[in-house]
């Protein structure tokens, strides 16, 4: 599984941004649970959001609940993270991941910077 994250950039506080994670895989994409982590400068990588393999279940960190929405388009083998009401503390490199049968796969990360 290869994951390509995109959509990061510089945005002002309170604005929105959508990240995308496109998967290239021989697995059936719809069968892969996927999600996002983030890592701020000087901090550990932390969980942000996840979506179940069928898209029926979504999970969020408390810090982003009610502001971020994770979704997937299985026809496009892509997972999205819609980020609303962005805060400076959301500044981080965002990594998408996919849970395979034997291992977890990671994308290369996309930088989100929220200015105050």
C-alpha atoms as a PDB file:
ATOM      1  CA  UNK A   1       0.000   0.000   0.000  1.00  0.00           C
ATOM      2  CA  UNK A   2       1.359   3.405  -0.972  1.00  0.00           C
ATOM      3  CA  UNK A   3      -0.217   6.529   0.438  1.00  0.00           C
ATOM      4  CA  UNK A   4       0.107  10.043  -0.946  1.00  0.00           C
ATOM      5  CA  UNK A   5      -1.052  12.842   1.329  1.00  0.00           C
ATOM      6  CA  UNK A   6      -1.766  16.313   0.008  1.00  0.00           C
ATOM      7  CA  UNK A   7      -3.662  19.494   0.745  1.00  0.00           C
ATOM      8  CA  UNK A   8      -1.552  21.048   3.459  1.00  0.00           C
ATOM      9  CA  UNK A   9      -0.599  24.687   3.492  1.00  0.00           C
ATOM     10  CA  UNK A  10      -0.692  27.975   5.364  1.00  0.00           C
ATOM     11  CA  UNK A  11      -4.097  29.081   6.585  1.00  0.00           C
ATOM     12  CA  UNK A  12      -5.406  31.688   8.991  1.00  0.00           C
ATOM     13  CA  UNK A  13      -7.031  30.921  12.294  1.00  0.00           C
ATOM     14  CA  UNK A  14     -10.686  30.033  11.919  1.00  0.00           C
ATOM     15  CA  UNK A  15     -10.381  28.982   8.293  1.00  0.00           C
ATOM     16  CA  UNK A  16     -10.798  25.548   6.754  1.00  0.00           C
ATOM     17  CA  UNK A  17      -8.581  23.129   4.915  1.00  0.00           C
ATOM     18  CA  UNK A  18      -9.124  19.702   3.408  1.00  0.00           C
ATOM     19  CA  UNK A  19      -6.418  17.065   3.339  1.00  0.00           C
ATOM     20  CA  UNK A  20      -6.481  14.134   0.939  1.00  0.00           C
ATOM     21  CA  UNK A  21      -4.783  10.779   1.120  1.00  0.00           C
ATOM     22  CA  UNK A  22      -4.757   8.769  -2.079  1.00  0.00           C
ATOM     23  CA  UNK A  23      -3.932   5.076  -1.859  1.00  0.00           C
ATOM     24  CA  UNK A  24      -2.293   2.844  -4.396  1.00  0.00           C
ATOM     25  CA  UNK A  25      -2.864  -0.708  -3.364  1.00  0.00           C
ATOM     26  CA  UNK A  26      -3.503  -4.195  -4.561  1.00  0.00           C
ATOM     27  CA  UNK A  27      -5.741  -4.661  -1.565  1.00  0.00           C
ATOM     28  CA  UNK A  28      -9.371  -3.788  -1.804  1.00  0.00           C
ATOM     29  CA  UNK A  29      -9.238  -0.197  -0.641  1.00  0.00           C
ATOM     30  CA  UNK A  30     -12.630  -0.303   0.984  1.00  0.00           C
ATOM     31  CA  UNK A  31     -11.389  -3.052   3.303  1.00  0.00           C
ATOM     32  CA  UNK A  32      -8.663  -0.904   4.865  1.00  0.00           C
ATOM     33  CA  UNK A  33      -9.293   1.063   8.034  1.00  0.00           C
ATOM     34  CA  UNK A  34      -7.592   4.417   7.582  1.00  0.00           C
ATOM     35  CA  UNK A  35      -6.955   7.602   9.439  1.00  0.00           C
ATOM     36  CA  UNK A  36      -4.742  10.532  10.301  1.00  0.00           C
ATOM     37  CA  UNK A  37      -2.116  11.311  12.874  1.00  0.00           C
ATOM     38  CA  UNK A  38      -0.252  14.561  13.300  1.00  0.00           C
ATOM     39  CA  UNK A  39       3.047  15.651  14.740  1.00  0.00           C
ATOM     40  CA  UNK A  40       3.691  19.170  15.917  1.00  0.00           C
ATOM     41  CA  UNK A  41       7.246  20.503  16.286  1.00  0.00           C
ATOM     42  CA  UNK A  42       8.876  19.047  19.361  1.00  0.00           C
ATOM     43  CA  UNK A  43       5.928  16.799  20.159  1.00  0.00           C
ATOM     44  CA  UNK A  44       5.048  13.161  19.744  1.00  0.00           C
ATOM     45  CA  UNK A  45       2.867  11.993  16.920  1.00  0.00           C
ATOM     46  CA  UNK A  46      -0.761  11.957  18.029  1.00  0.00           C
ATOM     47  CA  UNK A  47      -3.963  10.436  16.762  1.00  0.00           C
ATOM     48  CA  UNK A  48      -6.372  12.748  14.959  1.00  0.00           C
ATOM     49  CA  UNK A  49      -9.118  10.735  13.289  1.00  0.00           C
ATOM     50  CA  UNK A  50      -9.923   7.318  11.875  1.00  0.00           C
ATOM     51  CA  UNK A  51     -12.535   5.770   9.647  1.00  0.00           C
ATOM     52  CA  UNK A  52     -13.589   2.142   9.579  1.00  0.00           C
ATOM     53  CA  UNK A  53     -13.047  -0.080   6.573  1.00  0.00           C
ATOM     54  CA  UNK A  54     -16.596   0.282   5.374  1.00  0.00           C
ATOM     55  CA  UNK A  55     -16.796   3.946   6.272  1.00  0.00           C
ATOM     56  CA  UNK A  56     -19.459   3.189   8.829  1.00  0.00           C
ATOM     57  CA  UNK A  57     -17.530   4.266  11.876  1.00  0.00           C
ATOM     58  CA  UNK A  58     -15.497   7.380  12.516  1.00  0.00           C
ATOM     59  CA  UNK A  59     -13.380   8.283  15.499  1.00  0.00           C
ATOM     60  CA  UNK A  60     -11.810  11.550  16.600  1.00  0.00           C
ATOM     61  CA  UNK A  61      -9.390  12.891  19.131  1.00  0.00           C
ATOM     62  CA  UNK A  62     -11.054  15.158  21.658  1.00  0.00           C
ATOM     63  CA  UNK A  63      -8.969  18.078  20.435  1.00  0.00           C
ATOM     64  CA  UNK A  64     -10.540  17.971  16.974  1.00  0.00           C
ATOM     65  CA  UNK A  65     -13.985  16.567  17.645  1.00  0.00           C
ATOM     66  CA  UNK A  66     -16.744  18.775  16.220  1.00  0.00           C
ATOM     67  CA  UNK A  67     -14.215  20.619  14.028  1.00  0.00           C
ATOM     68  CA  UNK A  68     -12.722  17.893  11.831  1.00  0.00           C
ATOM     69  CA  UNK A  69     -14.525  15.386   9.640  1.00  0.00           C
ATOM     70  CA  UNK A  70     -12.968  12.279   8.143  1.00  0.00           C
ATOM     71  CA  UNK A  71     -14.516  10.636   5.109  1.00  0.00           C
ATOM     72  CA  UNK A  72     -13.574   8.245   2.345  1.00  0.00           C
ATOM     73  CA  UNK A  73     -14.367   7.758  -1.317  1.00  0.00           C
ATOM     74  CA  UNK A  74     -13.725   4.104  -2.049  1.00  0.00           C
ATOM     75  CA  UNK A  75     -14.216   4.615  -5.780  1.00  0.00           C
ATOM     76  CA  UNK A  76     -11.276   7.028  -5.743  1.00  0.00           C
ATOM     77  CA  UNK A  77      -9.293   5.133  -3.092  1.00  0.00           C
ATOM     78  CA  UNK A  78      -9.012   8.363  -1.180  1.00  0.00           C
ATOM     79  CA  UNK A  79      -9.554   9.448   2.394  1.00  0.00           C
ATOM     80  CA  UNK A  80     -10.242  13.067   3.290  1.00  0.00           C
ATOM     81  CA  UNK A  81      -9.875  15.160   6.391  1.00  0.00           C
ATOM     82  CA  UNK A  82     -11.970  18.310   6.430  1.00  0.00           C
ATOM     83  CA  UNK A  83     -10.600  20.672   9.040  1.00  0.00           C
ATOM     84  CA  UNK A  84     -12.792  23.564  10.112  1.00  0.00           C
ATOM     85  CA  UNK A  85     -12.228  26.337  12.627  1.00  0.00           C
ATOM     86  CA  UNK A  86      -8.506  25.782  12.534  1.00  0.00           C
ATOM     87  CA  UNK A  87      -6.416  26.908  15.480  1.00  0.00           C
ATOM     88  CA  UNK A  88      -2.684  27.651  15.750  1.00  0.00           C
ATOM     89  CA  UNK A  89      -2.363  24.516  17.883  1.00  0.00           C
ATOM     90  CA  UNK A  90      -3.475  22.469  14.876  1.00  0.00           C
ATOM     91  CA  UNK A  91      -0.155  23.335  13.234  1.00  0.00           C
ATOM     92  CA  UNK A  92       1.602  20.052  12.498  1.00  0.00           C
ATOM     93  CA  UNK A  93       2.660  17.604   9.853  1.00  0.00           C
ATOM     94  CA  UNK A  94      -0.342  15.408   9.133  1.00  0.00           C
ATOM     95  CA  UNK A  95       0.203  11.763   8.246  1.00  0.00           C
ATOM     96  CA  UNK A  96      -2.366   9.420   6.828  1.00  0.00           C
ATOM     97  CA  UNK A  97      -2.208   5.717   7.521  1.00  0.00           C
ATOM     98  CA  UNK A  98      -3.861   2.513   6.434  1.00  0.00           C
ATOM     99  CA  UNK A  99      -4.138  -0.642   8.487  1.00  0.00           C
ATOM    100  CA  UNK A 100      -3.225  -3.678   6.457  1.00  0.00           C
ATOM    101  CA  UNK A 101      -3.404  -7.342   7.391  1.00  0.00           C
ATOM    102  CA  UNK A 102       0.182  -7.540   8.626  1.00  0.00           C
ATOM    103  CA  UNK A 103       1.290  -3.939   9.027  1.00  0.00           C
ATOM    104  CA  UNK A 104       0.297  -0.299   9.125  1.00  0.00           C
ATOM    105  CA  UNK A 105       1.233   1.841   6.161  1.00  0.00           C
ATOM    106  CA  UNK A 106       2.051   5.554   6.358  1.00  0.00           C
ATOM    107  CA  UNK A 107       1.987   8.414   3.922  1.00  0.00           C
ATOM    108  CA  UNK A 108       4.778  10.964   3.702  1.00  0.00           C
ATOM    109  CA  UNK A 109       3.021  13.726   5.602  1.00  0.00           C
ATOM    110  CA  UNK A 110       1.681  17.116   4.629  1.00  0.00           C
ATOM    111  CA  UNK A 111       2.389  20.286   6.592  1.00  0.00           C
ATOM    112  CA  UNK A 112      -0.456  22.392   7.940  1.00  0.00           C
ATOM    113  CA  UNK A 113       0.419  25.769   9.391  1.00  0.00           C
ATOM    114  CA  UNK A 114      -2.247  27.860  11.090  1.00  0.00           C
ATOM    115  CA  UNK A 115      -1.360  31.472  11.651  1.00  0.00           C
ATOM    116  CA  UNK A 116      -2.821  33.555  14.424  1.00  0.00           C
END
